[in-house]
N, C-alpha and C. Protein backbone atom coordinates (compact mmCIF):
# COMPACT_ATOMS: atom_id res chain seq x y z
N MET A 1 1.00 -1.15 -0.09
CA MET A 1 0.18 0.14 -0.03
C MET A 1 0.86 1.09 -0.03
N ARG A 2 2.02 1.22 0.85
CA ARG A 2 2.87 2.42 0.78
C ARG A 2 3.44 2.45 -0.61
N VAL A 3 3.88 1.46 -1.27
CA VAL A 3 4.68 1.55 -2.45
C VAL A 3 3.67 2.22 -3.45
N ALA A 4 2.32 1.95 -3.52
CA ALA A 4 1.32 2.28 -4.28
C ALA A 4 1.14 3.77 -4.21
N THR A 5 1.24 4.20 -2.84
CA THR A 5 0.87 5.67 -2.66
C THR A 5 2.23 6.48 -3.13
N VAL A 6 3.43 6.02 -2.80
CA VAL A 6 4.68 6.92 -3.22
C VAL A 6 4.57 7.06 -4.66
N LEU A 7 4.21 5.89 -5.47
CA LEU A 7 4.26 5.68 -7.03
C LEU A 7 3.21 6.69 -7.15
N ALA A 8 2.14 6.93 -6.99
CA ALA A 8 1.06 7.73 -7.05
C ALA A 8 1.27 9.35 -7.04
N LEU A 9 2.19 9.59 -6.19
CA LEU A 9 2.46 11.29 -5.82
C LEU A 9 3.01 11.96 -7.17
N PRO A 10 3.96 11.42 -7.82
CA PRO A 10 4.36 12.01 -9.20
C PRO A 10 3.15 12.40 -9.96
N LEU A 11 2.27 11.35 -10.11
CA LEU A 11 1.22 11.81 -11.13
C LEU A 11 0.25 12.80 -10.58
N VAL A 12 -0.08 12.74 -9.39
CA VAL A 12 -0.74 14.06 -8.81
C VAL A 12 -0.13 15.14 -9.12
N VAL A 13 1.21 15.32 -8.51
CA VAL A 13 1.73 16.71 -9.03
C VAL A 13 1.82 16.95 -10.44
N LEU A 14 1.90 15.81 -11.27
CA LEU A 14 2.25 16.21 -12.79
C LEU A 14 0.79 16.66 -13.14
N PHE A 15 -0.22 16.35 -12.80
CA PHE A 15 -1.51 16.80 -13.28
C PHE A 15 -2.29 17.94 -12.61
N THR A 16 -1.66 18.11 -11.29
CA THR A 16 -2.11 19.34 -10.78
C THR A 16 -1.42 20.70 -10.86
N THR A 17 -0.33 20.36 -11.23
CA THR A 17 0.64 21.70 -11.52
C THR A 17 0.29 22.53 -12.61
N PRO A 18 -0.20 22.11 -13.62
CA PRO A 18 -0.39 22.90 -14.79
C PRO A 18 -1.97 23.56 -14.45
N ALA A 19 -2.73 23.00 -13.77
CA ALA A 19 -3.86 23.51 -13.34
C ALA A 19 -3.82 25.11 -12.49
N VAL A 20 -2.65 24.78 -11.57
CA VAL A 20 -2.36 25.94 -10.72
C VAL A 20 -1.60 27.00 -11.62
N ALA A 21 -0.78 26.62 -12.29
CA ALA A 21 -0.05 27.58 -13.23
C ALA A 21 -0.95 28.24 -14.06
N GLN A 22 -2.07 27.80 -14.66
CA GLN A 22 -3.03 28.34 -15.53
C GLN A 22 -3.92 29.20 -15.09
N ARG A 23 -4.09 29.33 -13.64
CA ARG A 23 -5.01 30.23 -13.00
C ARG A 23 -4.95 31.74 -13.59
N PRO A 24 -5.87 32.24 -13.74
CA PRO A 24 -6.04 33.58 -14.52
C PRO A 24 -5.18 34.67 -13.16
N ALA A 25 -4.49 35.52 -13.71
CA ALA A 25 -3.66 36.45 -12.65
C ALA A 25 -4.95 37.43 -12.05
N ALA A 26 -4.46 37.89 -10.97
CA ALA A 26 -5.48 38.90 -10.47
C ALA A 26 -5.55 40.15 -11.11
N GLU A 27 -6.81 40.67 -11.29
CA GLU A 27 -7.00 41.87 -11.87
C GLU A 27 -5.98 43.17 -11.40
N PRO A 28 -5.42 43.85 -11.83
CA PRO A 28 -4.68 45.03 -11.69
C PRO A 28 -5.57 45.95 -10.99
N SER A 29 -5.13 46.56 -10.13
CA SER A 29 -5.77 47.64 -9.18
C SER A 29 -6.21 48.85 -10.07
N SER A 30 -7.64 49.41 -9.87
CA SER A 30 -7.77 50.58 -10.63
C SER A 30 -6.96 51.98 -10.07
N GLU A 31 -6.50 51.72 -8.72
CA GLU A 31 -5.65 52.80 -8.17
C GLU A 31 -4.05 52.70 -8.77
N THR A 32 -3.41 53.64 -8.83
CA THR A 32 -2.01 53.63 -9.20
C THR A 32 -1.21 54.83 -8.73
N LEU A 33 0.02 54.45 -8.38
CA LEU A 33 1.16 55.33 -7.51
C LEU A 33 1.67 56.48 -8.80
N GLU A 34 1.19 56.19 -10.13
CA GLU A 34 1.84 56.92 -11.08
C GLU A 34 1.19 58.63 -10.80
N ALA A 35 2.32 59.53 -10.56
CA ALA A 35 1.70 60.77 -10.41
C ALA A 35 0.90 61.40 -11.56
N ALA A 36 1.11 60.93 -13.09
CA ALA A 36 0.47 61.45 -14.19
C ALA A 36 -0.98 61.06 -14.07
N SER A 37 -1.39 59.96 -13.31
CA SER A 37 -2.74 59.68 -13.08
C SER A 37 -3.59 60.82 -12.36
N ARG A 38 -2.90 61.66 -11.63
CA ARG A 38 -3.36 62.41 -10.58
C ARG A 38 -3.55 64.05 -11.42
N LEU A 39 -2.33 64.26 -11.86
CA LEU A 39 -2.13 65.73 -12.41
C LEU A 39 -3.05 65.75 -13.69
N GLN A 40 -4.16 66.14 -13.42
CA GLN A 40 -4.99 66.23 -14.73
C GLN A 40 -5.86 67.47 -14.49
N VAL A 41 -6.57 67.96 -15.65
CA VAL A 41 -7.33 69.14 -15.43
C VAL A 41 -8.52 68.99 -14.39
N ALA A 42 -8.61 70.06 -13.79
CA ALA A 42 -9.85 69.97 -12.60
C ALA A 42 -9.57 69.11 -11.48
N ALA A 43 -8.09 68.61 -11.36
CA ALA A 43 -7.72 67.92 -10.11
C ALA A 43 -7.53 68.91 -9.16
N THR A 44 -7.94 68.45 -7.86
CA THR A 44 -7.60 69.42 -6.86
C THR A 44 -6.67 68.80 -5.66
N GLU A 45 -6.00 69.85 -4.93
CA GLU A 45 -4.99 69.32 -4.10
C GLU A 45 -4.79 70.01 -2.77
N TRP A 46 -4.93 69.36 -1.80
CA TRP A 46 -4.62 69.69 -0.38
C TRP A 46 -3.19 69.68 0.02
N MET A 47 -2.34 70.56 0.45
CA MET A 47 -0.94 70.47 0.73
C MET A 47 -0.71 71.01 2.35
N ILE A 48 -0.08 70.54 2.98
CA ILE A 48 0.38 71.01 4.37
C ILE A 48 1.89 70.74 4.54
N ALA A 49 2.56 71.77 5.01
CA ALA A 49 3.98 71.64 5.00
C ALA A 49 4.48 72.62 5.96
N ALA A 50 5.47 72.38 6.87
CA ALA A 50 6.19 73.29 7.47
C ALA A 50 7.75 73.17 7.66
N GLY A 51 8.40 73.92 8.06
CA GLY A 51 9.96 74.04 7.92
C GLY A 51 10.43 75.34 8.72
N PRO A 52 11.85 75.40 8.76
CA PRO A 52 12.50 76.31 9.24
C PRO A 52 12.93 77.37 8.16
N ALA A 53 13.20 78.65 8.65
CA ALA A 53 13.55 79.67 7.55
C ALA A 53 14.85 80.39 8.18
N ARG A 54 15.83 81.02 7.50
CA ARG A 54 16.89 81.47 7.77
C ARG A 54 17.12 82.68 7.08
N GLY A 55 17.05 83.90 7.71
CA GLY A 55 16.96 85.08 7.04
C GLY A 55 18.47 85.71 6.61
N ILE A 56 18.74 86.26 5.48
CA ILE A 56 19.73 86.70 5.01
C ILE A 56 19.96 88.26 4.54
N ALA A 57 21.19 88.62 4.33
CA ALA A 57 21.31 90.26 4.13
C ALA A 57 21.25 89.98 2.55
N LEU A 58 20.51 90.65 1.81
CA LEU A 58 20.32 90.86 0.54
C LEU A 58 19.67 92.09 0.00
N PHE A 59 20.34 92.96 -0.65
CA PHE A 59 20.01 94.41 -1.10
C PHE A 59 19.84 95.11 0.25
N HIS A 60 18.67 95.57 0.73
CA HIS A 60 18.38 96.44 1.60
C HIS A 60 17.83 95.54 2.91
N SER A 61 17.67 94.20 2.90
CA SER A 61 17.15 93.62 3.68
C SER A 61 18.01 93.34 5.00
N THR A 62 17.17 92.97 6.09
CA THR A 62 17.80 92.87 7.54
C THR A 62 17.92 91.47 7.62
N ALA A 63 19.27 91.10 7.79
CA ALA A 63 19.71 89.72 8.31
C ALA A 63 19.40 89.22 9.80
N GLY A 64 19.47 88.22 10.02
CA GLY A 64 19.23 87.54 11.23
C GLY A 64 17.93 87.19 11.74
N HIS A 65 17.02 87.20 10.83
CA HIS A 65 15.54 86.84 11.07
C HIS A 65 15.38 85.40 10.83
N ASN A 66 15.20 84.56 11.89
CA ASN A 66 15.07 83.08 11.79
C ASN A 66 13.54 82.76 12.30
N TYR A 67 13.06 81.99 11.47
CA TYR A 67 11.53 81.59 11.92
C TYR A 67 11.30 80.24 11.42
N VAL A 68 10.06 79.75 11.93
CA VAL A 68 9.34 78.47 11.48
C VAL A 68 7.88 78.74 10.90
N MET A 69 7.58 78.18 9.82
CA MET A 69 6.29 78.40 9.16
C MET A 69 5.64 77.13 8.92
N LEU A 70 4.35 77.21 9.08
CA LEU A 70 3.46 76.14 8.78
C LEU A 70 2.57 76.81 8.08
N SER A 71 2.43 76.05 6.64
CA SER A 71 1.41 76.61 5.64
C SER A 71 0.66 75.46 5.22
N ALA A 72 -0.81 75.76 4.80
CA ALA A 72 -1.77 74.79 4.32
C ALA A 72 -2.25 75.50 3.16
N SER A 73 -2.38 74.57 1.88
CA SER A 73 -3.01 75.21 0.63
C SER A 73 -3.94 74.39 -0.07
N TRP A 74 -4.74 74.94 -0.70
CA TRP A 74 -5.83 74.09 -1.65
C TRP A 74 -5.64 74.69 -2.91
N GLY A 75 -5.48 74.04 -4.11
CA GLY A 75 -5.37 74.58 -5.27
C GLY A 75 -6.13 73.49 -6.57
N ARG A 76 -6.25 73.93 -7.51
CA ARG A 76 -7.02 73.40 -8.67
C ARG A 76 -5.94 73.47 -9.89
N ILE A 77 -5.77 72.47 -10.76
CA ILE A 77 -5.32 72.38 -11.83
C ILE A 77 -6.04 72.93 -13.30
N LEU A 78 -5.73 73.89 -13.73
CA LEU A 78 -6.53 74.58 -14.71
C LEU A 78 -6.39 74.47 -16.17
N SER A 79 -5.25 73.69 -16.30
CA SER A 79 -5.09 73.58 -17.86
C SER A 79 -4.15 72.20 -18.25
N GLU A 80 -4.26 71.93 -19.70
CA GLU A 80 -3.84 70.79 -19.93
C GLU A 80 -2.20 71.12 -20.27
N PRO A 81 -1.34 69.93 -20.46
CA PRO A 81 0.05 70.23 -20.38
C PRO A 81 0.33 71.24 -21.71
N LYS A 82 1.13 72.30 -21.36
CA LYS A 82 1.58 73.19 -22.37
C LYS A 82 3.12 73.67 -22.37
N GLY A 83 3.59 73.91 -23.31
CA GLY A 83 5.18 74.28 -23.11
C GLY A 83 5.98 73.30 -23.85
N PRO A 84 7.18 73.84 -24.06
CA PRO A 84 8.11 73.00 -24.79
C PRO A 84 9.04 72.16 -24.00
N GLY A 85 9.23 70.91 -24.41
CA GLY A 85 10.72 70.24 -23.70
C GLY A 85 10.34 70.04 -22.07
N VAL A 86 11.48 70.36 -21.44
CA VAL A 86 11.61 70.33 -19.94
C VAL A 86 10.83 71.27 -19.24
N LEU A 87 10.23 72.33 -19.99
CA LEU A 87 9.39 73.29 -19.29
C LEU A 87 7.65 72.87 -19.40
N ARG A 88 7.60 71.71 -20.16
CA ARG A 88 6.23 71.38 -20.28
C ARG A 88 5.42 71.15 -18.98
N GLY A 89 4.33 71.68 -18.82
CA GLY A 89 3.59 71.37 -17.58
C GLY A 89 2.29 72.00 -17.62
N ARG A 90 1.59 71.71 -16.45
CA ARG A 90 0.31 72.25 -16.14
C ARG A 90 -0.06 73.38 -15.28
N PHE A 91 -0.93 74.25 -15.37
CA PHE A 91 -0.75 75.45 -14.80
C PHE A 91 -1.86 75.01 -13.58
N GLN A 92 -1.42 75.66 -12.06
CA GLN A 92 -2.45 75.41 -10.81
C GLN A 92 -2.66 76.74 -10.20
N TRP A 93 -3.66 77.14 -9.99
CA TRP A 93 -3.75 78.12 -8.93
C TRP A 93 -4.26 77.47 -7.60
N ALA A 94 -3.57 78.14 -6.37
CA ALA A 94 -3.98 77.80 -5.12
C ALA A 94 -4.06 78.99 -4.34
N PHE A 95 -4.59 78.69 -3.19
CA PHE A 95 -4.92 79.53 -2.16
C PHE A 95 -4.21 78.91 -0.78
N GLU A 96 -3.47 79.77 -0.13
CA GLU A 96 -2.78 79.41 0.94
C GLU A 96 -3.04 80.07 2.21
N VAL A 97 -2.72 79.43 3.41
CA VAL A 97 -2.86 80.35 4.51
C VAL A 97 -1.67 79.75 5.55
N VAL A 98 -1.30 80.43 6.30
CA VAL A 98 0.01 80.35 7.34
C VAL A 98 -0.60 80.53 8.74
N PRO A 99 -1.05 79.52 9.19
CA PRO A 99 -1.61 79.73 10.59
C PRO A 99 -0.51 79.54 11.59
N VAL A 100 0.84 79.35 11.30
CA VAL A 100 1.78 79.41 12.24
C VAL A 100 3.03 80.19 11.80
N TYR A 101 3.29 81.58 12.13
CA TYR A 101 4.51 82.00 12.14
C TYR A 101 5.31 82.22 13.18
N ALA A 102 6.26 81.46 13.45
CA ALA A 102 6.92 81.83 14.88
C ALA A 102 8.47 82.06 14.50
N GLN A 103 8.61 83.26 14.89
CA GLN A 103 10.20 84.03 14.90
C GLN A 103 10.82 83.70 16.28
N PHE A 104 12.01 83.32 16.08
CA PHE A 104 12.67 83.29 17.41
C PHE A 104 14.23 84.24 17.35
N ALA A 105 14.58 84.76 16.24
CA ALA A 105 15.65 85.52 16.19
C ALA A 105 15.39 86.50 15.09
N PRO A 106 15.88 87.94 15.34
CA PRO A 106 16.58 88.31 16.57
C PRO A 106 15.86 88.57 17.73
N ASP A 107 14.41 88.43 17.76
CA ASP A 107 13.47 88.60 18.92
C ASP A 107 12.44 87.41 18.60
N THR A 108 11.55 87.25 19.61
CA THR A 108 10.56 86.14 19.50
C THR A 108 9.20 86.99 19.33
N THR A 109 8.44 86.59 18.11
CA THR A 109 7.23 87.08 17.92
C THR A 109 6.32 86.06 17.04
N PHE A 110 5.13 86.30 16.93
CA PHE A 110 4.39 85.20 16.22
C PHE A 110 3.13 85.92 15.43
N GLY A 111 2.84 85.14 14.09
CA GLY A 111 1.99 85.92 13.32
C GLY A 111 1.02 84.82 12.55
N VAL A 112 0.36 85.38 11.64
CA VAL A 112 -0.58 84.47 10.78
C VAL A 112 -0.36 85.18 9.44
N GLY A 113 -0.58 84.45 8.33
CA GLY A 113 -0.65 84.84 7.00
C GLY A 113 -1.66 84.44 6.32
N VAL A 114 -2.13 84.93 5.07
CA VAL A 114 -2.65 84.78 3.84
C VAL A 114 -2.04 84.96 2.65
N THR A 115 -2.10 83.80 1.57
CA THR A 115 -1.67 84.01 0.28
C THR A 115 -2.73 83.59 -0.91
N PRO A 116 -3.53 84.51 -1.21
CA PRO A 116 -4.53 84.40 -2.10
C PRO A 116 -3.88 84.01 -3.44
N ILE A 117 -2.82 84.54 -3.78
CA ILE A 117 -2.28 84.17 -5.31
C ILE A 117 -0.99 83.26 -5.27
N VAL A 118 -1.28 82.05 -5.46
CA VAL A 118 -0.19 81.03 -5.53
C VAL A 118 -0.18 80.30 -6.89
N TRP A 119 0.74 80.96 -7.89
CA TRP A 119 0.81 80.16 -9.28
C TRP A 119 1.66 79.15 -9.12
N ARG A 120 1.43 77.98 -9.38
CA ARG A 120 2.02 76.63 -9.35
C ARG A 120 2.06 75.92 -10.77
N TRP A 121 3.28 75.78 -11.25
CA TRP A 121 3.50 75.00 -12.31
C TRP A 121 4.11 73.84 -12.26
N ASN A 122 3.11 72.79 -12.66
CA ASN A 122 3.32 71.52 -12.27
C ASN A 122 4.17 70.63 -13.64
N PHE A 123 5.42 70.53 -13.42
CA PHE A 123 6.19 70.02 -14.85
C PHE A 123 5.68 68.71 -15.03
N GLU A 124 5.73 68.05 -16.30
CA GLU A 124 5.53 66.51 -16.33
C GLU A 124 6.14 65.66 -15.47
N PRO A 125 5.10 64.70 -14.90
CA PRO A 125 5.59 63.84 -14.10
C PRO A 125 6.45 62.61 -14.42
N ARG A 126 7.26 62.03 -13.54
CA ARG A 126 7.93 60.88 -13.99
C ARG A 126 7.62 59.85 -13.10
N GLY A 127 6.96 58.87 -13.29
CA GLY A 127 6.64 57.89 -12.47
C GLY A 127 6.07 58.39 -11.28
N ARG A 128 6.49 58.15 -10.14
CA ARG A 128 6.01 58.34 -8.84
C ARG A 128 6.23 59.93 -8.44
N VAL A 129 7.10 60.45 -9.29
CA VAL A 129 7.81 61.94 -8.91
C VAL A 129 7.01 62.89 -9.82
N ALA A 130 6.58 64.09 -9.14
CA ALA A 130 6.08 65.16 -9.87
C ALA A 130 6.77 66.43 -9.05
N THR A 131 7.33 67.29 -9.99
CA THR A 131 7.98 68.50 -9.42
C THR A 131 7.12 69.65 -9.84
N TYR A 132 7.28 70.82 -9.10
CA TYR A 132 6.54 71.95 -9.42
C TYR A 132 7.40 73.22 -9.06
N ALA A 133 7.12 74.45 -9.70
CA ALA A 133 7.55 75.76 -9.38
C ALA A 133 6.59 76.54 -8.96
N GLU A 134 6.50 77.58 -8.09
CA GLU A 134 5.42 78.45 -7.88
C GLU A 134 6.09 79.95 -7.52
N LEU A 135 4.97 80.76 -7.77
CA LEU A 135 5.28 82.09 -7.46
C LEU A 135 4.17 82.55 -6.61
N ALA A 136 4.25 83.31 -5.49
CA ALA A 136 3.07 83.56 -4.76
C ALA A 136 3.19 85.06 -4.08
N GLY A 137 2.01 85.58 -3.87
CA GLY A 137 1.91 86.75 -2.99
C GLY A 137 0.78 86.93 -2.09
N GLY A 138 1.25 87.64 -0.70
CA GLY A 138 0.17 87.48 0.21
C GLY A 138 0.40 88.58 1.05
N ALA A 139 0.18 88.19 2.38
CA ALA A 139 0.31 89.21 3.62
C ALA A 139 0.37 88.47 5.06
N LEU A 140 1.29 89.16 5.78
CA LEU A 140 1.64 88.56 7.28
C LEU A 140 1.26 89.52 8.19
N PHE A 141 0.53 89.05 9.27
CA PHE A 141 0.12 89.74 10.53
C PHE A 141 0.77 89.07 11.73
N SER A 142 1.65 90.05 12.23
CA SER A 142 2.39 89.72 13.64
C SER A 142 1.99 90.40 14.63
N ARG A 143 2.45 89.92 15.99
CA ARG A 143 2.21 90.51 17.05
C ARG A 143 3.18 91.74 17.06
N ASP A 144 4.36 91.57 16.80
CA ASP A 144 5.37 92.67 16.97
C ASP A 144 5.98 93.02 15.49
N PRO A 145 6.32 94.28 15.39
CA PRO A 145 6.79 94.69 14.10
C PRO A 145 7.88 93.85 13.47
N ILE A 146 7.78 93.54 12.08
CA ILE A 146 8.92 92.77 11.50
C ILE A 146 9.37 93.68 10.24
N PRO A 147 10.63 94.07 10.10
CA PRO A 147 11.61 93.92 11.20
C PRO A 147 11.07 94.87 12.29
N ARG A 148 11.98 95.13 13.23
CA ARG A 148 11.89 96.27 14.23
C ARG A 148 11.32 97.62 13.91
N GLU A 149 10.82 98.22 14.79
CA GLU A 149 10.63 99.72 14.26
C GLU A 149 10.02 99.99 12.78
N THR A 150 8.95 98.83 12.42
CA THR A 150 8.47 99.23 11.24
C THR A 150 6.87 98.92 11.34
N THR A 151 6.42 97.78 11.00
CA THR A 151 4.93 97.44 11.29
C THR A 151 4.50 96.19 11.31
N THR A 152 3.39 96.00 11.89
CA THR A 152 2.96 94.44 12.20
C THR A 152 2.30 94.09 11.12
N ALA A 153 1.78 94.70 9.91
CA ALA A 153 1.15 94.24 8.86
C ALA A 153 2.19 94.56 7.50
N ASN A 154 2.55 93.16 7.09
CA ASN A 154 3.53 93.11 5.92
C ASN A 154 2.84 92.53 4.75
N PHE A 155 3.35 92.70 3.44
CA PHE A 155 3.22 91.92 2.35
C PHE A 155 4.25 90.91 2.22
N THR A 156 3.87 89.54 1.58
CA THR A 156 4.95 88.71 1.52
C THR A 156 4.87 88.13 0.07
N ALA A 157 6.03 87.74 -0.30
CA ALA A 157 6.13 86.98 -1.70
C ALA A 157 7.17 85.93 -1.59
N HIS A 158 6.90 84.72 -2.43
CA HIS A 158 8.00 83.75 -2.58
C HIS A 158 8.03 83.17 -3.87
N LEU A 159 9.26 82.72 -4.00
CA LEU A 159 9.61 81.94 -5.31
C LEU A 159 9.87 80.50 -4.88
N GLY A 160 9.36 79.30 -5.37
CA GLY A 160 9.87 78.21 -4.87
C GLY A 160 9.82 77.14 -5.54
N TYR A 161 10.35 76.00 -5.15
CA TYR A 161 10.39 74.76 -6.06
C TYR A 161 10.08 73.56 -5.23
N GLY A 162 9.40 72.65 -5.60
CA GLY A 162 9.19 71.31 -4.95
C GLY A 162 8.95 70.18 -5.48
N ILE A 163 9.14 69.13 -4.81
CA ILE A 163 9.07 67.75 -5.43
C ILE A 163 7.86 66.80 -4.31
N ARG A 164 6.99 66.15 -5.23
CA ARG A 164 6.14 65.31 -4.60
C ARG A 164 6.31 63.77 -4.98
N TYR A 165 6.51 62.89 -3.91
CA TYR A 165 6.86 61.59 -4.25
C TYR A 165 5.44 60.87 -3.72
N PHE A 166 4.82 60.16 -4.65
CA PHE A 166 3.45 59.58 -4.38
C PHE A 166 3.98 58.18 -3.69
N VAL A 167 3.38 58.25 -2.29
CA VAL A 167 3.53 56.81 -1.55
C VAL A 167 2.23 56.02 -1.58
N ARG A 168 1.05 56.71 -1.90
CA ARG A 168 -0.22 55.96 -1.91
C ARG A 168 -1.00 56.54 -3.02
N PRO A 169 -1.97 55.87 -3.62
CA PRO A 169 -2.74 56.61 -4.72
C PRO A 169 -3.45 57.88 -4.10
N GLY A 170 -2.87 59.12 -4.86
CA GLY A 170 -3.35 60.44 -4.61
C GLY A 170 -2.76 60.88 -3.33
N GLN A 171 -1.66 60.45 -2.80
CA GLN A 171 -1.31 60.78 -1.66
C GLN A 171 0.53 60.84 -1.85
N ALA A 172 1.07 62.16 -1.65
CA ALA A 172 2.41 62.16 -1.67
C ALA A 172 3.25 62.98 -0.69
N LEU A 173 4.37 62.43 -0.26
CA LEU A 173 5.33 63.24 0.43
C LEU A 173 5.95 64.56 -0.27
N VAL A 174 6.05 65.59 0.39
CA VAL A 174 6.44 66.70 -0.13
C VAL A 174 7.69 67.43 0.19
N ALA A 175 8.68 67.86 -0.49
CA ALA A 175 9.90 68.65 -0.03
C ALA A 175 9.91 69.81 -0.93
N GLY A 176 10.22 70.97 -0.07
CA GLY A 176 10.36 72.07 -1.03
C GLY A 176 11.30 73.35 -0.69
N TYR A 177 11.43 74.12 -1.48
CA TYR A 177 12.41 75.38 -1.13
C TYR A 177 11.53 76.59 -1.43
N ARG A 178 11.89 77.49 -0.86
CA ARG A 178 11.37 78.84 -1.12
C ARG A 178 12.33 79.89 -0.68
N PHE A 179 12.24 81.16 -1.69
CA PHE A 179 12.91 82.24 -1.17
C PHE A 179 12.01 83.17 -0.60
N HIS A 180 11.75 83.37 0.54
CA HIS A 180 10.49 84.22 1.08
C HIS A 180 10.91 85.61 1.36
N HIS A 181 9.93 86.54 0.97
CA HIS A 181 10.17 88.01 1.36
C HIS A 181 9.14 88.61 2.15
N ILE A 182 9.57 89.36 2.89
CA ILE A 182 8.50 90.07 3.72
C ILE A 182 8.84 91.34 3.76
N SER A 183 7.86 92.49 3.32
CA SER A 183 8.08 93.88 3.10
C SER A 183 6.83 94.59 3.52
N ASN A 184 7.25 96.04 3.85
CA ASN A 184 5.89 96.75 4.18
C ASN A 184 5.55 97.55 2.90
N GLY A 185 6.00 96.96 1.87
CA GLY A 185 5.78 97.72 0.44
C GLY A 185 5.77 99.16 0.56
N ASN A 186 7.02 99.78 1.10
CA ASN A 186 7.07 101.11 0.92
C ASN A 186 5.91 102.03 1.52
N ARG A 187 5.34 101.56 2.39
CA ARG A 187 4.29 102.15 3.11
C ARG A 187 4.88 103.24 4.43
N LEU A 188 5.91 102.83 4.81
CA LEU A 188 6.62 103.59 5.53
C LEU A 188 7.77 104.26 5.16
N GLU A 189 8.61 105.05 5.94
CA GLU A 189 9.67 105.89 5.24
C GLU A 189 10.98 104.83 5.44
N ARG A 190 10.93 103.68 6.34
CA ARG A 190 11.77 102.70 6.21
C ARG A 190 11.22 101.62 5.76
N ASN A 191 12.00 100.85 4.93
CA ASN A 191 11.46 99.33 4.28
C ASN A 191 12.59 98.40 4.08
N PRO A 192 13.05 98.20 5.22
CA PRO A 192 14.39 97.20 5.36
C PRO A 192 14.00 95.77 4.64
N GLY A 193 12.84 95.38 5.21
CA GLY A 193 12.23 94.10 4.74
C GLY A 193 13.20 92.75 5.19
N VAL A 194 12.67 91.65 4.96
CA VAL A 194 13.35 90.37 5.20
C VAL A 194 13.26 89.47 4.23
N ASN A 195 14.31 88.93 3.83
CA ASN A 195 14.73 87.92 2.77
C ASN A 195 15.14 86.54 3.56
N ALA A 196 14.61 85.35 3.27
CA ALA A 196 14.95 84.19 3.96
C ALA A 196 15.01 83.05 2.86
N HIS A 197 15.78 82.10 3.33
CA HIS A 197 15.64 80.62 2.63
C HIS A 197 15.11 79.85 3.51
N VAL A 198 13.93 79.25 3.10
CA VAL A 198 12.95 78.29 3.58
C VAL A 198 12.96 77.12 3.09
N ILE A 199 13.08 76.17 4.15
CA ILE A 199 13.02 74.61 3.57
C ILE A 199 11.54 73.91 4.36
N GLN A 200 10.71 73.24 3.50
CA GLN A 200 9.75 72.81 4.14
C GLN A 200 9.43 71.19 3.72
N PHE A 201 8.85 70.35 4.48
CA PHE A 201 8.43 69.23 4.37
C PHE A 201 7.08 68.97 4.85
N GLY A 202 6.21 68.13 3.93
CA GLY A 202 4.92 68.21 4.41
C GLY A 202 4.29 66.87 3.52
N TRP A 203 2.81 67.05 3.47
CA TRP A 203 2.06 65.87 2.75
C TRP A 203 1.29 66.51 1.82
N THR A 204 0.98 65.87 0.61
CA THR A 204 -0.20 66.27 0.03
C THR A 204 -1.17 65.21 -0.47
N LEU A 205 -2.50 65.82 -0.69
CA LEU A 205 -3.58 64.83 -1.05
C LEU A 205 -4.19 65.41 -2.28
N MET A 206 -4.19 64.76 -3.65
CA MET A 206 -4.74 65.09 -4.64
C MET A 206 -5.89 64.28 -5.12
N ARG A 207 -6.84 64.83 -5.64
CA ARG A 207 -8.25 64.06 -6.04
C ARG A 207 -8.53 64.57 -7.45
N ARG A 208 -8.93 63.50 -8.33
CA ARG A 208 -9.29 63.60 -9.68
C ARG A 208 -10.32 64.64 -9.68
N GLY A 209 -10.27 65.51 -10.81
CA GLY A 209 -11.52 66.07 -11.25
C GLY A 209 -12.85 65.55 -11.56
N GLY A 210 -13.97 65.94 -11.22
CA GLY A 210 -15.32 65.32 -11.65
C GLY A 210 -15.68 65.98 -12.99
């Protein structure tokens, strides 16, 4: 009996293996980590990011202003891909708020900001990576004058570049750089302003347009 069982085992393996091998492959998921599947016209994006800023002396700006910023924005892609070569991309308009502006040098103060104009150019994505450049303008309201002996209500502007890396469908890690400018817009006799390098890290959520 044992000999018959041993002899039958190869036959069982021989006839069952093809059946297993020929099972249909699982259907691919409708979701993808490819950035191109999200960067489409009418797609919306929520982005939150935070990081440190280091003030520099440039033109007439006052050096030594170091602070931390937290920003949150909502934007919508408004165009199909346009432009030549490496500049080809999609235009996005975003609205940003700065619920936390915390300055710790040369003195301590706090503030909040709003940036109604964020023009973001999304370059053509590659795999999971989607880069962008942006130009923005808004306002900052602080507890104490920035810089000293100026005003608590300032204009802001920044020029930035960022990278999204999609880790889940529609969700990506974000790393970005900004050249950030704070100025009273020559509303006072003195307008030394603040210029700073800002590094931010955060998270973004993108939804396809309906």
